[in-house]
PDB file of N, CA and C in Angstrom:
ATOM      1  N   GLY A   1     -94.089  73.308 139.421  1.00  0.00           N
ATOM      2  CA  GLY A   1     -94.182  74.589 139.760  1.00  0.00           C
ATOM      3  C   GLY A   1     -93.147  74.864 140.555  1.00  0.00           C
ATOM      4  N   PHE A   2     -92.922  76.009 141.251  1.00  0.00           N
ATOM      5  CA  PHE A   2     -92.002  76.463 142.003  1.00  0.00           C
ATOM      6  C   PHE A   2     -92.195  75.978 143.400  1.00  0.00           C
ATOM      7  N   THR A   3     -91.116  75.706 144.153  1.00  0.00           N
ATOM      8  CA  THR A   3     -91.518  75.357 145.668  1.00  0.00           C
ATOM      9  C   THR A   3     -91.084  76.733 146.429  1.00  0.00           C
ATOM     10  N   PRO A   4     -91.496  76.557 147.719  1.00  0.00           N
ATOM     11  CA  PRO A   4     -90.831  77.934 148.410  1.00  0.00           C
ATOM     12  C   PRO A   4     -89.391  78.392 148.169  1.00  0.00           C
ATOM     13  N   LEU A   5     -88.814  77.071 148.109  1.00  0.00           N
ATOM     14  CA  LEU A   5     -87.430  77.224 148.355  1.00  0.00           C
ATOM     15  C   LEU A   5     -86.947  78.015 146.929  1.00  0.00           C
ATOM     16  N   HIS A   6     -87.814  77.754 145.461  1.00  0.00           N
ATOM     17  CA  HIS A   6     -86.954  78.360 144.429  1.00  0.00           C
ATOM     18  C   HIS A   6     -87.534  79.506 144.913  1.00  0.00           C
ATOM     19  N   ILE A   7     -88.796  80.026 145.080  1.00  0.00           N
ATOM     20  CA  ILE A   7     -89.086  81.610 145.191  1.00  0.00           C
ATOM     21  C   ILE A   7     -88.297  82.207 146.302  1.00  0.00           C
ATOM     22  N   ALA A   8     -87.339  81.930 147.192  1.00  0.00           N
ATOM     23  CA  ALA A   8     -86.605  82.414 148.176  1.00  0.00           C
ATOM     24  C   ALA A   8     -85.479  82.814 147.482  1.00  0.00           C
ATOM     25  N   VAL A   9     -84.914  81.707 146.535  1.00  0.00           N
ATOM     26  CA  VAL A   9     -83.888  81.981 145.542  1.00  0.00           C
ATOM     27  C   VAL A   9     -83.841  82.937 144.571  1.00  0.00           C
ATOM     28  N   VAL A  10     -85.145  82.824 143.987  1.00  0.00           N
ATOM     29  CA  VAL A  10     -85.351  84.043 142.703  1.00  0.00           C
ATOM     30  C   VAL A  10     -85.273  85.410 143.312  1.00  0.00           C
ATOM     31  N   TYR A  11     -85.746  85.633 144.675  1.00  0.00           N
ATOM     32  CA  TYR A  11     -85.716  87.056 145.340  1.00  0.00           C
ATOM     33  C   TYR A  11     -84.532  87.279 145.938  1.00  0.00           C
ATOM     34  N   GLY A  12     -84.067  86.246 145.913  1.00  0.00           N
ATOM     35  CA  GLY A  12     -82.314  86.616 146.906  1.00  0.00           C
ATOM     36  C   GLY A  12     -82.564  86.593 148.284  1.00  0.00           C
ATOM     37  N   HIS A  13     -83.226  85.895 148.750  1.00  0.00           N
ATOM     38  CA  HIS A  13     -83.427  85.750 150.321  1.00  0.00           C
ATOM     39  C   HIS A  13     -82.587  84.913 150.726  1.00  0.00           C
ATOM     40  N   TRP A  14     -81.488  85.075 151.087  1.00  0.00           N
ATOM     41  CA  TRP A  14     -80.698  83.626 151.614  1.00  0.00           C
ATOM     42  C   TRP A  14     -80.834  83.065 152.508  1.00  0.00           C
ATOM     43  N   GLU A  15     -81.214  84.311 153.968  1.00  0.00           N
ATOM     44  CA  GLU A  15     -81.682  83.801 155.340  1.00  0.00           C
ATOM     45  C   GLU A  15     -82.766  82.692 155.063  1.00  0.00           C
ATOM     46  N   ILE A  16     -84.076  83.059 154.322  1.00  0.00           N
ATOM     47  CA  ILE A  16     -85.005  82.407 153.945  1.00  0.00           C
ATOM     48  C   ILE A  16     -84.699  80.799 153.363  1.00  0.00           C
ATOM     49  N   VAL A  17     -83.678  80.936 152.521  1.00  0.00           N
ATOM     50  CA  VAL A  17     -83.223  79.684 151.617  1.00  0.00           C
ATOM     51  C   VAL A  17     -82.474  78.698 152.848  1.00  0.00           C
ATOM     52  N   LYS A  18     -81.663  79.436 153.667  1.00  0.00           N
ATOM     53  CA  LYS A  18     -81.006  78.583 155.033  1.00  0.00           C
ATOM     54  C   LYS A  18     -81.846  78.373 155.738  1.00  0.00           C
ATOM     55  N   LEU A  19     -83.022  79.128 156.282  1.00  0.00           N
ATOM     56  CA  LEU A  19     -84.328  78.350 156.847  1.00  0.00           C
ATOM     57  C   LEU A  19     -84.954  77.405 156.315  1.00  0.00           C
ATOM     58  N   LEU A  20     -85.261  77.338 154.914  1.00  0.00           N
ATOM     59  CA  LEU A  20     -86.027  76.460 154.348  1.00  0.00           C
ATOM     60  C   LEU A  20     -85.146  74.701 154.241  1.00  0.00           C
ATOM     61  N   LEU A  21     -84.029  75.133 154.202  1.00  0.00           N
ATOM     62  CA  LEU A  21     -83.288  74.003 154.109  1.00  0.00           C
ATOM     63  C   LEU A  21     -82.901  73.293 155.239  1.00  0.00           C
ATOM     64  N   ASP A  22     -82.995  74.125 156.124  1.00  0.00           N
ATOM     65  CA  ASP A  22     -82.731  73.545 157.624  1.00  0.00           C
ATOM     66  C   ASP A  22     -84.172  72.880 157.697  1.00  0.00           C
ATOM     67  N   GLU A  23     -85.314  73.298 157.582  1.00  0.00           N
ATOM     68  CA  GLU A  23     -86.424  72.639 157.960  1.00  0.00           C
ATOM     69  C   GLU A  23     -86.640  71.557 156.920  1.00  0.00           C
ATOM     70  N   GLY A  24     -85.645  71.308 156.133  1.00  0.00           N
ATOM     71  CA  GLY A  24     -86.071  69.845 154.904  1.00  0.00           C
ATOM     72  C   GLY A  24     -86.136  70.058 154.001  1.00  0.00           C
ATOM     73  N   ALA A  25     -86.224  71.537 153.270  1.00  0.00           N
ATOM     74  CA  ALA A  25     -86.477  71.628 151.702  1.00  0.00           C
ATOM     75  C   ALA A  25     -85.251  70.686 150.853  1.00  0.00           C
ATOM     76  N   ASP A  26     -86.038  70.392 149.748  1.00  0.00           N
ATOM     77  CA  ASP A  26     -85.316  69.681 148.991  1.00  0.00           C
ATOM     78  C   ASP A  26     -84.271  70.421 148.001  1.00  0.00           C
ATOM     79  N   VAL A  27     -82.967  70.106 148.225  1.00  0.00           N
ATOM     80  CA  VAL A  27     -81.941  71.229 147.920  1.00  0.00           C
ATOM     81  C   VAL A  27     -81.898  70.858 145.986  1.00  0.00           C
ATOM     82  N   GLU A  28     -82.453  69.802 145.672  1.00  0.00           N
ATOM     83  CA  GLU A  28     -82.416  69.123 144.340  1.00  0.00           C
ATOM     84  C   GLU A  28     -84.002  69.284 143.416  1.00  0.00           C
ATOM     85  N   ALA A  29     -84.785  70.180 144.219  1.00  0.00           N
ATOM     86  CA  ALA A  29     -86.199  70.354 143.864  1.00  0.00           C
ATOM     87  C   ALA A  29     -86.417  70.743 142.554  1.00  0.00           C
ATOM     88  N   GLN A  30     -87.074  69.864 141.787  1.00  0.00           N
ATOM     89  CA  GLN A  30     -87.249  70.554 140.371  1.00  0.00           C
ATOM     90  C   GLN A  30     -88.495  71.650 139.909  1.00  0.00           C
ATOM     91  N   THR A  31     -88.321  72.554 139.227  1.00  0.00           N
ATOM     92  CA  THR A  31     -89.618  72.920 138.385  1.00  0.00           C
ATOM     93  C   THR A  31     -90.151  72.154 137.460  1.00  0.00           C
ATOM     94  N   LYS A  32     -91.223  72.354 136.767  1.00  0.00           N
ATOM     95  CA  LYS A  32     -91.738  71.591 135.562  1.00  0.00           C
ATOM     96  C   LYS A  32     -90.628  71.546 134.378  1.00  0.00           C
ATOM     97  N   ASN A  33     -89.714  72.335 134.293  1.00  0.00           N
ATOM     98  CA  ASN A  33     -88.880  72.754 133.205  1.00  0.00           C
ATOM     99  C   ASN A  33     -87.396  71.731 133.728  1.00  0.00           C
ATOM    100  N   GLY A  34     -87.350  71.704 134.828  1.00  0.00           N
ATOM    101  CA  GLY A  34     -85.894  70.884 135.485  1.00  0.00           C
ATOM    102  C   GLY A  34     -85.136  71.451 136.414  1.00  0.00           C
ATOM    103  N   TYR A  35     -85.592  73.246 136.713  1.00  0.00           N
ATOM    104  CA  TYR A  35     -84.720  74.237 137.097  1.00  0.00           C
ATOM    105  C   TYR A  35     -84.615  73.619 138.521  1.00  0.00           C
ATOM    106  N   GLN A  36     -83.731  73.451 138.810  1.00  0.00           N
ATOM    107  CA  GLN A  36     -83.152  73.332 140.368  1.00  0.00           C
ATOM    108  C   GLN A  36     -83.134  74.570 141.015  1.00  0.00           C
ATOM    109  N   PRO A  37     -82.867  74.681 142.052  1.00  0.00           N
ATOM    110  CA  PRO A  37     -82.656  76.194 142.983  1.00  0.00           C
ATOM    111  C   PRO A  37     -81.336  76.466 142.374  1.00  0.00           C
ATOM    112  N   LEU A  38     -79.974  75.916 142.354  1.00  0.00           N
ATOM    113  CA  LEU A  38     -79.054  76.083 142.003  1.00  0.00           C
ATOM    114  C   LEU A  38     -79.014  76.829 140.452  1.00  0.00           C
ATOM    115  N   HIS A  39     -79.889  76.223 139.713  1.00  0.00           N
ATOM    116  CA  HIS A  39     -80.131  77.010 138.438  1.00  0.00           C
ATOM    117  C   HIS A  39     -80.510  78.470 138.814  1.00  0.00           C
ATOM    118  N   LEU A  40     -81.554  78.685 139.432  1.00  0.00           N
ATOM    119  CA  LEU A  40     -82.105  79.623 139.455  1.00  0.00           C
ATOM    120  C   LEU A  40     -80.840  80.655 139.969  1.00  0.00           C
ATOM    121  N   ALA A  41     -80.111  80.501 141.033  1.00  0.00           N
ATOM    122  CA  ALA A  41     -79.606  81.207 142.083  1.00  0.00           C
ATOM    123  C   ALA A  41     -78.455  81.657 140.705  1.00  0.00           C
ATOM    124  N   ALA A  42     -77.600  80.943 139.977  1.00  0.00           N
ATOM    125  CA  ALA A  42     -76.799  81.280 138.983  1.00  0.00           C
ATOM    126  C   ALA A  42     -77.401  82.082 138.138  1.00  0.00           C
ATOM    127  N   GLN A  43     -78.500  82.111 137.664  1.00  0.00           N
ATOM    128  CA  GLN A  43     -79.263  82.569 136.971  1.00  0.00           C
ATOM    129  C   GLN A  43     -79.598  84.344 137.032  1.00  0.00           C
ATOM    130  N   TYR A  44     -79.836  84.179 138.577  1.00  0.00           N
ATOM    131  CA  TYR A  44     -80.305  85.829 139.047  1.00  0.00           C
ATOM    132  C   TYR A  44     -78.973  86.330 139.809  1.00  0.00           C
ATOM    133  N   GLY A  45     -77.615  85.705 139.811  1.00  0.00           N
ATOM    134  CA  GLY A  45     -76.755  85.998 140.168  1.00  0.00           C
ATOM    135  C   GLY A  45     -76.647  86.320 141.700  1.00  0.00           C
ATOM    136  N   HIS A  46     -76.924  85.344 142.232  1.00  0.00           N
ATOM    137  CA  HIS A  46     -77.159  85.354 143.675  1.00  0.00           C
ATOM    138  C   HIS A  46     -75.994  84.651 144.060  1.00  0.00           C
ATOM    139  N   LYS A  47     -74.891  85.000 144.422  1.00  0.00           N
ATOM    140  CA  LYS A  47     -73.486  84.415 144.908  1.00  0.00           C
ATOM    141  C   LYS A  47     -73.365  83.620 146.164  1.00  0.00           C
ATOM    142  N   ILE A  48     -74.235  84.499 147.341  1.00  0.00           N
ATOM    143  CA  ILE A  48     -74.468  83.867 148.409  1.00  0.00           C
ATOM    144  C   ILE A  48     -75.232  82.639 148.688  1.00  0.00           C
ATOM    145  N   ILE A  49     -76.261  82.613 147.521  1.00  0.00           N
ATOM    146  CA  ILE A  49     -76.953  81.535 147.730  1.00  0.00           C
ATOM    147  C   ILE A  49     -76.565  80.391 146.899  1.00  0.00           C
ATOM    148  N   ILE A  50     -75.787  80.570 145.847  1.00  0.00           N
ATOM    149  CA  ILE A  50     -75.024  79.466 145.224  1.00  0.00           C
ATOM    150  C   ILE A  50     -74.178  78.926 145.820  1.00  0.00           C
ATOM    151  N   GLU A  51     -73.642  79.366 146.893  1.00  0.00           N
ATOM    152  CA  GLU A  51     -72.715  79.096 148.068  1.00  0.00           C
ATOM    153  C   GLU A  51     -73.409  78.225 149.025  1.00  0.00           C
ATOM    154  N   ILE A  52     -74.420  78.619 149.214  1.00  0.00           N
ATOM    155  CA  ILE A  52     -75.177  77.792 150.350  1.00  0.00           C
ATOM    156  C   ILE A  52     -75.720  76.677 149.928  1.00  0.00           C
ATOM    157  N   LEU A  53     -76.221  76.768 148.503  1.00  0.00           N
ATOM    158  CA  LEU A  53     -77.035  75.610 148.036  1.00  0.00           C
ATOM    159  C   LEU A  53     -75.680  74.607 147.648  1.00  0.00           C
ATOM    160  N   LEU A  54     -74.486  74.852 147.268  1.00  0.00           N
ATOM    161  CA  LEU A  54     -73.500  73.819 147.271  1.00  0.00           C
ATOM    162  C   LEU A  54     -73.144  73.459 148.529  1.00  0.00           C
ATOM    163  N   GLN A  55     -72.794  74.237 149.627  1.00  0.00           N
ATOM    164  CA  GLN A  55     -72.643  73.550 150.948  1.00  0.00           C
ATOM    165  C   GLN A  55     -73.541  72.382 151.007  1.00  0.00           C
ATOM    166  N   ARG A  56     -74.976  72.984 151.015  1.00  0.00           N
ATOM    167  CA  ARG A  56     -75.755  71.835 151.068  1.00  0.00           C
ATOM    168  C   ARG A  56     -76.144  70.497 150.490  1.00  0.00           C
ATOM    169  N   GLY A  57     -75.496  70.559 149.552  1.00  0.00           N
ATOM    170  CA  GLY A  57     -75.355  69.223 148.555  1.00  0.00           C
ATOM    171  C   GLY A  57     -75.843  69.612 147.278  1.00  0.00           C
ATOM    172  N   ALA A  58     -76.150  70.641 146.910  1.00  0.00           N
ATOM    173  CA  ALA A  58     -76.375  70.640 145.248  1.00  0.00           C
ATOM    174  C   ALA A  58     -75.704  70.334 144.467  1.00  0.00           C
ATOM    175  N   PRO A  59     -76.178  69.636 143.349  1.00  0.00           N
ATOM    176  CA  PRO A  59     -75.397  68.629 142.363  1.00  0.00           C
ATOM    177  C   PRO A  59     -74.888  70.245 141.163  1.00  0.00           C
ATOM    178  N   PRO A  60     -73.349  70.612 141.377  1.00  0.00           N
ATOM    179  CA  PRO A  60     -73.164  71.747 140.272  1.00  0.00           C
ATOM    180  C   PRO A  60     -73.363  71.212 139.122  1.00  0.00           C
ATOM    181  N   ASP A  61     -73.456  70.127 138.162  1.00  0.00           N
ATOM    182  CA  ASP A  61     -73.668  69.392 137.174  1.00  0.00           C
ATOM    183  C   ASP A  61     -75.199  69.387 136.659  1.00  0.00           C
ATOM    184  N   ALA A  62     -75.833  69.310 137.493  1.00  0.00           N
ATOM    185  CA  ALA A  62     -77.450  68.776 137.216  1.00  0.00           C
ATOM    186  C   ALA A  62     -77.892  69.675 136.004  1.00  0.00           C
ATOM    187  N   LEU A  63     -78.289  69.254 135.140  1.00  0.00           N
ATOM    188  CA  LEU A  63     -79.187  69.643 134.107  1.00  0.00           C
ATOM    189  C   LEU A  63     -80.592  69.751 134.009  1.00  0.00           C
ATOM    190  N   THR A  64     -81.218  70.657 133.100  1.00  0.00           N
ATOM    191  CA  THR A  64     -82.652  71.089 133.325  1.00  0.00           C
ATOM    192  C   THR A  64     -83.150  70.111 131.911  1.00  0.00           C
ATOM    193  N   SER A  65     -84.427  70.032 131.981  1.00  0.00           N
ATOM    194  CA  SER A  65     -84.971  69.310 130.824  1.00  0.00           C
ATOM    195  C   SER A  65     -84.899  70.291 129.280  1.00  0.00           C
ATOM    196  N   VAL A  66     -84.385  71.170 129.629  1.00  0.00           N
ATOM    197  CA  VAL A  66     -84.164  72.372 128.415  1.00  0.00           C
ATOM    198  C   VAL A  66     -82.762  72.401 128.081  1.00  0.00           C
ATOM    199  N   SER A  67     -81.999  71.585 128.740  1.00  0.00           N
ATOM    200  CA  SER A  67     -80.676  71.621 128.534  1.00  0.00           C
ATOM    201  C   SER A  67     -79.919  70.900 127.285  1.00  0.00           C
ATOM    202  N   LYS A  68     -79.126  71.286 126.515  1.00  0.00           N
ATOM    203  CA  LYS A  68     -78.801  70.641 125.182  1.00  0.00           C
ATOM    204  C   LYS A  68     -77.669  70.019 125.745  1.00  0.00           C
ATOM    205  N   LEU A  69     -77.005  69.198 125.250  1.00  0.00           N
ATOM    206  CA  LEU A  69     -75.744  68.666 125.341  1.00  0.00           C
ATOM    207  C   LEU A  69     -75.315  68.417 123.814  1.00  0.00           C
ATOM    208  N   ARG A  70     -73.823  68.832 124.237  1.00  0.00           N
ATOM    209  CA  ARG A  70     -73.471  69.194 122.571  1.00  0.00           C
ATOM    210  C   ARG A  70     -72.045  68.085 122.589  1.00  0.00           C
TER     211      ARG A  70
END
């Protein structure tokens, strides 16, 4: 399922994203399909959140369980 961090990312609430990360939210938390917050930020085009997540250590090369290697 989605964590509060995933939900804040989807809705573009960068202030909440920062607060959750400050309070210990896992920047690499995964949904059941393996989506991390960074995947969702990219999918929804939230550039500020992408920057925040990368600054906080989100792996830019993380794969999802639905990713296909070519």
